[in-house]
Amino acid sequence: MLKKLLASAVTVILLGANVSAFAQDTNVHTGKSSADQKVVDPTSIVIDTKNPYLMIEGAANKTFASFHKQQAKIKADPNYLKVIIQDDLMPYIDSRYASYKVMGQYLRDSTKEQRNNFVKAFTGYLVTTYAQAFTEYTDQTIQFSPAENFANEKIVSVDVQVIEKGRPPIKLTFKVRRLKDDTWKAFDLIAEGVSLLSTKQSEIGNLIRQQGIDKVIETLNEKAQQSITSQSSEKSE
């Protein structure tokens, strides 16, 4: 169940072009399916990194625009999804902060080289995870809650719901933090009350305790190198 919820959560941040928002003057906007969307040039999308709500939606829109534009490359090689995630999504994810949180108590016992290697490995692991989740898109409708005043906030929660016909809505929250330059980056997502960051902290923390950080870094690098499998390939097997 957790895996499915988190996969849906990843889908949200990747599929912004199919995102609908709670309007300020109405209860909800109805999202359009991807078939109804006009393909947008991703380079034309400007992302407001000074606004956490617009940053989340903008990063998603840009990533999904690239997904549409590069369909030929993706069909020829699904691993090209990793390039899209790396270029269009990861600049808006605070992967170093997330990596340090995942390391937890073992952070202070690590060397600078180990910390840098862990950040690189964990970031690569996220890229592969997000890219694989992208293949699970099935035209869900996404609803964003309205933006709130964040002028004095350091961490903001961006609430969304995943709406899929015939299934109960999935409640998600993106945690976004303000950086020193007053820009914002996402560092965690919570699916039905379950934090991806906390889950990975527990899972990876246990592995570090049992195997040591260097072995965990090696494992994360191996997972990061795994090829992306398209849904059509899986069905044909």
C-alpha atoms as a PDB file:
ATOM      1  CA  MET A   1       0.000   0.000   0.000  1.00  0.00           C
ATOM      2  CA  LEU A   2       2.783   2.435   0.945  1.00  0.00           C
ATOM      3  CA  LYS A   3       4.581   1.795  -2.335  1.00  0.00           C
ATOM      4  CA  LYS A   4       1.404   2.570  -4.303  1.00  0.00           C
ATOM      5  CA  LEU A   5       0.725   5.753  -2.326  1.00  0.00           C
ATOM      6  CA  LEU A   6       4.261   7.004  -2.812  1.00  0.00           C
ATOM      7  CA  ALA A   7       4.176   6.123  -6.506  1.00  0.00           C
ATOM      8  CA  SER A   8       1.033   8.208  -6.824  1.00  0.00           C
ATOM      9  CA  ALA A   9       2.719  10.998  -4.914  1.00  0.00           C
ATOM     10  CA  VAL A  10       5.684  10.980  -7.251  1.00  0.00           C
ATOM     11  CA  THR A  11       3.250  11.070 -10.157  1.00  0.00           C
ATOM     12  CA  VAL A  12       1.770  14.300  -8.786  1.00  0.00           C
ATOM     13  CA  ILE A  13       4.979  16.264  -8.853  1.00  0.00           C
ATOM     14  CA  LEU A  14       5.843  14.940 -12.292  1.00  0.00           C
ATOM     15  CA  LEU A  15       2.499  15.474 -13.964  1.00  0.00           C
ATOM     16  CA  GLY A  16       1.800  19.133 -13.402  1.00  0.00           C
ATOM     17  CA  ALA A  17       0.347  19.750 -16.867  1.00  0.00           C
ATOM     18  CA  ASN A  18      -2.594  17.600 -15.774  1.00  0.00           C
ATOM     19  CA  VAL A  19      -2.906  19.416 -12.455  1.00  0.00           C
ATOM     20  CA  SER A  20      -6.045  21.269 -11.441  1.00  0.00           C
ATOM     21  CA  ALA A  21      -6.143  23.804  -8.606  1.00  0.00           C
ATOM     22  CA  PHE A  22      -8.636  24.806  -5.963  1.00  0.00           C
ATOM     23  CA  ALA A  23      -9.833  28.167  -7.236  1.00  0.00           C
ATOM     24  CA  GLN A  24     -10.077  31.208  -5.021  1.00  0.00           C
ATOM     25  CA  ASP A  25     -13.682  31.879  -6.128  1.00  0.00           C
ATOM     26  CA  THR A  26     -14.930  28.295  -6.632  1.00  0.00           C
ATOM     27  CA  ASN A  27     -14.395  25.002  -4.877  1.00  0.00           C
ATOM     28  CA  VAL A  28     -12.453  23.233  -7.570  1.00  0.00           C
ATOM     29  CA  HIS A  29     -11.338  23.283 -11.186  1.00  0.00           C
ATOM     30  CA  THR A  30     -11.697  20.147 -13.257  1.00  0.00           C
ATOM     31  CA  GLY A  31      -8.392  18.933 -14.694  1.00  0.00           C
ATOM     32  CA  LYS A  32      -8.079  17.993 -18.352  1.00  0.00           C
ATOM     33  CA  SER A  33      -6.674  14.706 -19.517  1.00  0.00           C
ATOM     34  CA  SER A  34      -3.270  14.698 -21.184  1.00  0.00           C
ATOM     35  CA  ALA A  35      -4.933  13.948 -24.515  1.00  0.00           C
ATOM     36  CA  ASP A  36      -6.602  17.371 -24.351  1.00  0.00           C
ATOM     37  CA  GLN A  37      -3.397  19.220 -23.514  1.00  0.00           C
ATOM     38  CA  LYS A  38      -1.475  21.317 -25.986  1.00  0.00           C
ATOM     39  CA  VAL A  39       2.190  20.412 -26.034  1.00  0.00           C
ATOM     40  CA  VAL A  40       4.107  23.282 -24.486  1.00  0.00           C
ATOM     41  CA  ASP A  41       7.739  24.155 -25.085  1.00  0.00           C
ATOM     42  CA  PRO A  42       9.381  23.483 -21.683  1.00  0.00           C
ATOM     43  CA  THR A  43      11.877  26.301 -22.237  1.00  0.00           C
ATOM     44  CA  SER A  44       8.978  28.771 -22.266  1.00  0.00           C
ATOM     45  CA  ILE A  45       7.915  27.879 -18.719  1.00  0.00           C
ATOM     46  CA  VAL A  46       9.154  30.308 -16.084  1.00  0.00           C
ATOM     47  CA  ILE A  47       9.263  28.937 -12.538  1.00  0.00           C
ATOM     48  CA  ASP A  48       8.756  31.283  -9.600  1.00  0.00           C
ATOM     49  CA  THR A  49      11.142  29.871  -7.004  1.00  0.00           C
ATOM     50  CA  LYS A  50      10.247  32.650  -4.563  1.00  0.00           C
ATOM     51  CA  ASN A  51       6.733  31.214  -4.178  1.00  0.00           C
ATOM     52  CA  PRO A  52       6.590  27.616  -2.848  1.00  0.00           C
ATOM     53  CA  TYR A  53       3.139  26.933  -4.306  1.00  0.00           C
ATOM     54  CA  LEU A  54       3.968  28.226  -7.771  1.00  0.00           C
ATOM     55  CA  MET A  55       7.370  26.556  -7.629  1.00  0.00           C
ATOM     56  CA  ILE A  56       5.829  23.109  -7.126  1.00  0.00           C
ATOM     57  CA  GLU A  57       3.338  23.600  -9.938  1.00  0.00           C
ATOM     58  CA  GLY A  58       5.874  25.213 -12.274  1.00  0.00           C
ATOM     59  CA  ALA A  59       8.448  22.460 -11.825  1.00  0.00           C
ATOM     60  CA  ALA A  60       5.771  19.881 -12.519  1.00  0.00           C
ATOM     61  CA  ASN A  61       4.561  21.715 -15.626  1.00  0.00           C
ATOM     62  CA  LYS A  62       8.074  21.991 -17.025  1.00  0.00           C
ATOM     63  CA  THR A  63       8.841  18.337 -16.403  1.00  0.00           C
ATOM     64  CA  PHE A  64       5.621  17.172 -18.007  1.00  0.00           C
ATOM     65  CA  ALA A  65       6.104  19.502 -20.999  1.00  0.00           C
ATOM     66  CA  SER A  66       9.470  17.845 -21.612  1.00  0.00           C
ATOM     67  CA  PHE A  67       7.815  14.451 -21.237  1.00  0.00           C
ATOM     68  CA  HIS A  68       5.408  15.312 -24.056  1.00  0.00           C
ATOM     69  CA  LYS A  69       8.003  16.955 -26.280  1.00  0.00           C
ATOM     70  CA  GLN A  70      10.482  14.086 -26.017  1.00  0.00           C
ATOM     71  CA  GLN A  71       8.084  11.172 -26.584  1.00  0.00           C
ATOM     72  CA  ALA A  72      10.091   9.846 -29.533  1.00  0.00           C
ATOM     73  CA  LYS A  73      13.287   9.702 -27.467  1.00  0.00           C
ATOM     74  CA  ILE A  74      11.480   8.143 -24.498  1.00  0.00           C
ATOM     75  CA  LYS A  75       9.895   5.423 -26.632  1.00  0.00           C
ATOM     76  CA  ALA A  76      13.276   4.650 -28.192  1.00  0.00           C
ATOM     77  CA  ASP A  77      14.971   4.634 -24.800  1.00  0.00           C
ATOM     78  CA  PRO A  78      12.913   4.885 -21.569  1.00  0.00           C
ATOM     79  CA  ASN A  79      16.117   5.810 -19.726  1.00  0.00           C
ATOM     80  CA  TYR A  80      15.815   9.244 -21.314  1.00  0.00           C
ATOM     81  CA  LEU A  81      13.249   9.903 -18.582  1.00  0.00           C
ATOM     82  CA  LYS A  82      16.210  10.174 -16.213  1.00  0.00           C
ATOM     83  CA  VAL A  83      17.578  13.066 -18.278  1.00  0.00           C
ATOM     84  CA  ILE A  84      14.245  14.866 -18.062  1.00  0.00           C
ATOM     85  CA  ILE A  85      14.004  14.363 -14.304  1.00  0.00           C
ATOM     86  CA  GLN A  86      17.592  15.475 -13.770  1.00  0.00           C
ATOM     87  CA  ASP A  87      17.253  18.597 -15.911  1.00  0.00           C
ATOM     88  CA  ASP A  88      13.697  19.743 -15.221  1.00  0.00           C
ATOM     89  CA  LEU A  89      12.733  18.461 -11.769  1.00  0.00           C
ATOM     90  CA  MET A  90      15.779  17.932  -9.582  1.00  0.00           C
ATOM     91  CA  PRO A  91      16.859  21.614  -9.558  1.00  0.00           C
ATOM     92  CA  TYR A  92      13.749  22.199  -7.405  1.00  0.00           C
ATOM     93  CA  ILE A  93      14.366  19.316  -5.004  1.00  0.00           C
ATOM     94  CA  ASP A  94      16.670  19.943  -2.034  1.00  0.00           C
ATOM     95  CA  SER A  95      18.385  16.595  -2.392  1.00  0.00           C
ATOM     96  CA  ARG A  96      21.299  17.462  -0.080  1.00  0.00           C
ATOM     97  CA  TYR A  97      18.971  18.437   2.753  1.00  0.00           C
ATOM     98  CA  ALA A  98      16.837  15.347   2.140  1.00  0.00           C
ATOM     99  CA  SER A  99      19.950  13.155   2.052  1.00  0.00           C
ATOM    100  CA  TYR A 100      21.196  14.518   5.368  1.00  0.00           C
ATOM    101  CA  LYS A 101      17.777  13.935   6.957  1.00  0.00           C
ATOM    102  CA  VAL A 102      17.784  10.355   5.677  1.00  0.00           C
ATOM    103  CA  MET A 103      21.239   9.775   7.155  1.00  0.00           C
ATOM    104  CA  GLY A 104      19.862  10.881  10.512  1.00  0.00           C
ATOM    105  CA  GLN A 105      22.078  10.076  13.485  1.00  0.00           C
ATOM    106  CA  TYR A 106      24.764   8.660  11.204  1.00  0.00           C
ATOM    107  CA  LEU A 107      25.407  12.051   9.623  1.00  0.00           C
ATOM    108  CA  ARG A 108      27.692  13.253  12.401  1.00  0.00           C
ATOM    109  CA  ASP A 109      29.686  10.014  12.335  1.00  0.00           C
ATOM    110  CA  SER A 110      30.446  10.269   8.610  1.00  0.00           C
ATOM    111  CA  THR A 111      33.354  11.949   6.870  1.00  0.00           C
ATOM    112  CA  LYS A 112      32.910  14.824   4.420  1.00  0.00           C
ATOM    113  CA  GLU A 113      33.718  12.452   1.546  1.00  0.00           C
ATOM    114  CA  GLN A 114      31.122   9.942   2.730  1.00  0.00           C
ATOM    115  CA  ARG A 115      28.486  12.667   3.046  1.00  0.00           C
ATOM    116  CA  ASN A 116      29.179  13.927  -0.456  1.00  0.00           C
ATOM    117  CA  ASN A 117      29.118  10.395  -1.851  1.00  0.00           C
ATOM    118  CA  PHE A 118      25.865   9.656  -0.042  1.00  0.00           C
ATOM    119  CA  VAL A 119      24.202  12.817  -1.404  1.00  0.00           C
ATOM    120  CA  LYS A 120      25.274  11.912  -4.940  1.00  0.00           C
ATOM    121  CA  ALA A 121      24.082   8.306  -4.577  1.00  0.00           C
ATOM    122  CA  PHE A 122      20.769   9.207  -2.944  1.00  0.00           C
ATOM    123  CA  THR A 123      20.085  11.892  -5.551  1.00  0.00           C
ATOM    124  CA  GLY A 124      20.714   9.359  -8.309  1.00  0.00           C
ATOM    125  CA  TYR A 125      18.395   6.943  -6.558  1.00  0.00           C
ATOM    126  CA  LEU A 126      15.660   9.629  -6.453  1.00  0.00           C
ATOM    127  CA  VAL A 127      16.104  10.382 -10.154  1.00  0.00           C
ATOM    128  CA  THR A 128      15.620   6.715 -11.062  1.00  0.00           C
ATOM    129  CA  THR A 129      12.664   6.371  -8.674  1.00  0.00           C
ATOM    130  CA  TYR A 130      10.929   9.447 -10.104  1.00  0.00           C
ATOM    131  CA  ALA A 131      11.662   8.403 -13.697  1.00  0.00           C
ATOM    132  CA  GLN A 132      10.191   4.942 -13.111  1.00  0.00           C
ATOM    133  CA  ALA A 133       7.112   6.467 -11.450  1.00  0.00           C
ATOM    134  CA  PHE A 134       6.589   8.571 -14.563  1.00  0.00           C
ATOM    135  CA  THR A 135       5.788   5.385 -16.510  1.00  0.00           C
ATOM    136  CA  GLU A 136       2.787   4.765 -14.201  1.00  0.00           C
ATOM    137  CA  TYR A 137       0.815   7.807 -15.319  1.00  0.00           C
ATOM    138  CA  THR A 138      -2.846   6.948 -16.048  1.00  0.00           C
ATOM    139  CA  ASP A 139      -4.527  10.352 -16.481  1.00  0.00           C
ATOM    140  CA  GLN A 140      -5.246  11.025 -12.824  1.00  0.00           C
ATOM    141  CA  THR A 141      -6.674  14.434 -11.942  1.00  0.00           C
ATOM    142  CA  ILE A 142      -4.688  16.408  -9.393  1.00  0.00           C
ATOM    143  CA  GLN A 143      -6.154  19.100  -7.128  1.00  0.00           C
ATOM    144  CA  PHE A 144      -3.978  21.678  -5.360  1.00  0.00           C
ATOM    145  CA  SER A 145      -5.236  23.468  -2.272  1.00  0.00           C
ATOM    146  CA  PRO A 146      -5.100  27.290  -2.457  1.00  0.00           C
ATOM    147  CA  ALA A 147      -1.889  29.078  -1.521  1.00  0.00           C
ATOM    148  CA  GLU A 148      -1.611  30.521   1.978  1.00  0.00           C
ATOM    149  CA  ASN A 149       0.423  33.417   3.332  1.00  0.00           C
ATOM    150  CA  PHE A 150       4.020  32.191   3.627  1.00  0.00           C
ATOM    151  CA  ALA A 151       5.775  35.522   4.248  1.00  0.00           C
ATOM    152  CA  ASN A 152       7.089  34.537   7.679  1.00  0.00           C
ATOM    153  CA  GLU A 153       7.348  30.796   7.135  1.00  0.00           C
ATOM    154  CA  LYS A 154      10.487  28.702   6.802  1.00  0.00           C
ATOM    155  CA  ILE A 155       8.713  25.459   5.887  1.00  0.00           C
ATOM    156  CA  VAL A 156       5.446  25.267   3.940  1.00  0.00           C
ATOM    157  CA  SER A 157       3.083  22.370   3.311  1.00  0.00           C
ATOM    158  CA  VAL A 158       1.545  22.222  -0.167  1.00  0.00           C
ATOM    159  CA  ASP A 159      -1.537  20.006   0.033  1.00  0.00           C
ATOM    160  CA  VAL A 160      -2.892  18.119  -2.968  1.00  0.00           C
ATOM    161  CA  GLN A 161      -5.253  15.283  -3.758  1.00  0.00           C
ATOM    162  CA  VAL A 162      -4.931  12.602  -6.429  1.00  0.00           C
ATOM    163  CA  ILE A 163      -8.332  11.891  -7.964  1.00  0.00           C
ATOM    164  CA  GLU A 164      -8.762   8.665  -9.920  1.00  0.00           C
ATOM    165  CA  LYS A 165     -12.127   7.405 -11.147  1.00  0.00           C
ATOM    166  CA  GLY A 166     -13.509   4.587  -9.053  1.00  0.00           C
ATOM    167  CA  ARG A 167     -11.044   5.083  -6.189  1.00  0.00           C
ATOM    168  CA  PRO A 168     -10.983   7.205  -3.030  1.00  0.00           C
ATOM    169  CA  PRO A 169      -8.882  10.403  -3.283  1.00  0.00           C
ATOM    170  CA  ILE A 170      -5.283  10.113  -2.088  1.00  0.00           C
ATOM    171  CA  LYS A 171      -4.223  12.969   0.177  1.00  0.00           C
ATOM    172  CA  LEU A 172      -0.669  14.220  -0.284  1.00  0.00           C
ATOM    173  CA  THR A 173       1.459  16.956   1.202  1.00  0.00           C
ATOM    174  CA  PHE A 174       4.683  18.345  -0.258  1.00  0.00           C
ATOM    175  CA  LYS A 175       7.051  19.827   2.325  1.00  0.00           C
ATOM    176  CA  VAL A 176       8.958  22.822   0.950  1.00  0.00           C
ATOM    177  CA  ARG A 177      11.664  24.818   2.728  1.00  0.00           C
ATOM    178  CA  ARG A 178      12.921  28.367   2.352  1.00  0.00           C
ATOM    179  CA  LEU A 179      16.627  28.660   1.523  1.00  0.00           C
ATOM    180  CA  LYS A 180      19.010  31.437   2.544  1.00  0.00           C
ATOM    181  CA  ASP A 181      18.520  33.243  -0.780  1.00  0.00           C
ATOM    182  CA  ASP A 182      14.732  33.304  -0.161  1.00  0.00           C
ATOM    183  CA  THR A 183      14.023  30.664  -2.816  1.00  0.00           C
ATOM    184  CA  TRP A 184      12.159  27.442  -2.043  1.00  0.00           C
ATOM    185  CA  LYS A 185      12.851  23.762  -2.650  1.00  0.00           C
ATOM    186  CA  ALA A 186      10.870  20.596  -1.907  1.00  0.00           C
ATOM    187  CA  PHE A 187      12.419  18.030   0.418  1.00  0.00           C
ATOM    188  CA  ASP A 188       9.673  15.586   1.412  1.00  0.00           C
ATOM    189  CA  LEU A 189       6.268  14.290   0.406  1.00  0.00           C
ATOM    190  CA  ILE A 190       3.671  12.766   2.697  1.00  0.00           C
ATOM    191  CA  ALA A 191       1.120  10.280   1.365  1.00  0.00           C
ATOM    192  CA  GLU A 192      -1.909   9.661   3.606  1.00  0.00           C
ATOM    193  CA  GLY A 193       0.139  10.705   6.631  1.00  0.00           C
ATOM    194  CA  VAL A 194       3.205   8.637   5.705  1.00  0.00           C
ATOM    195  CA  SER A 195       6.408  10.615   5.101  1.00  0.00           C
ATOM    196  CA  LEU A 196       8.674   9.403   2.301  1.00  0.00           C
ATOM    197  CA  LEU A 197      11.624  11.006   4.096  1.00  0.00           C
ATOM    198  CA  SER A 198      10.873   9.321   7.431  1.00  0.00           C
ATOM    199  CA  THR A 199      10.289   5.990   5.718  1.00  0.00           C
ATOM    200  CA  LYS A 200      13.619   6.179   3.906  1.00  0.00           C
ATOM    201  CA  GLN A 201      15.368   7.394   7.057  1.00  0.00           C
ATOM    202  CA  SER A 202      14.190   4.284   8.914  1.00  0.00           C
ATOM    203  CA  GLU A 203      14.932   1.926   6.029  1.00  0.00           C
ATOM    204  CA  ILE A 204      18.357   3.316   5.135  1.00  0.00           C
ATOM    205  CA  GLY A 205      19.294   3.977   8.757  1.00  0.00           C
ATOM    206  CA  ASN A 206      18.850   0.279   9.498  1.00  0.00           C
ATOM    207  CA  LEU A 207      21.018  -0.604   6.510  1.00  0.00           C
ATOM    208  CA  ILE A 208      23.760   1.803   7.601  1.00  0.00           C
ATOM    209  CA  ARG A 209      23.727   0.260  11.087  1.00  0.00           C
ATOM    210  CA  GLN A 210      23.933  -3.262   9.679  1.00  0.00           C
ATOM    211  CA  GLN A 211      26.229  -2.780   6.682  1.00  0.00           C
ATOM    212  CA  GLY A 212      28.004   0.543   7.126  1.00  0.00           C
ATOM    213  CA  ILE A 213      27.557   3.736   5.140  1.00  0.00           C
ATOM    214  CA  ASP A 214      29.987   2.818   2.351  1.00  0.00           C
ATOM    215  CA  LYS A 215      28.030  -0.352   1.543  1.00  0.00           C
ATOM    216  CA  VAL A 216      24.761   1.599   1.547  1.00  0.00           C
ATOM    217  CA  ILE A 217      26.253   4.161  -0.827  1.00  0.00           C
ATOM    218  CA  GLU A 218      27.259   1.303  -3.120  1.00  0.00           C
ATOM    219  CA  THR A 219      23.718  -0.124  -2.987  1.00  0.00           C
ATOM    220  CA  LEU A 220      22.121   3.247  -3.745  1.00  0.00           C
ATOM    221  CA  ASN A 221      24.452   3.714  -6.714  1.00  0.00           C
ATOM    222  CA  GLU A 222      23.441   0.293  -8.033  1.00  0.00           C
ATOM    223  CA  LYS A 223      19.753   1.190  -7.721  1.00  0.00           C
ATOM    224  CA  ALA A 224      20.402   4.526  -9.426  1.00  0.00           C
ATOM    225  CA  GLN A 225      21.923   2.702 -12.400  1.00  0.00           C
ATOM    226  CA  GLN A 226      18.907   0.458 -12.918  1.00  0.00           C
ATOM    227  CA  SER A 227      17.195   0.843 -16.279  1.00  0.00           C
ATOM    228  CA  ILE A 228      13.736   2.343 -16.576  1.00  0.00           C
ATOM    229  CA  THR A 229      11.105  -0.195 -17.617  1.00  0.00           C
ATOM    230  CA  SER A 230       8.119   1.089 -19.572  1.00  0.00           C
ATOM    231  CA  GLN A 231       4.627  -0.125 -18.740  1.00  0.00           C
ATOM    232  CA  SER A 232       4.262  -1.582 -22.239  1.00  0.00           C
ATOM    233  CA  SER A 233       7.447  -3.613 -21.763  1.00  0.00           C
ATOM    234  CA  GLU A 234       6.206  -4.963 -18.444  1.00  0.00           C
ATOM    235  CA  LYS A 235       2.861  -5.998 -19.930  1.00  0.00           C
ATOM    236  CA  SER A 236       4.528  -7.818 -22.806  1.00  0.00           C
ATOM    237  CA  GLU A 237       6.686  -9.925 -20.506  1.00  0.00           C
END
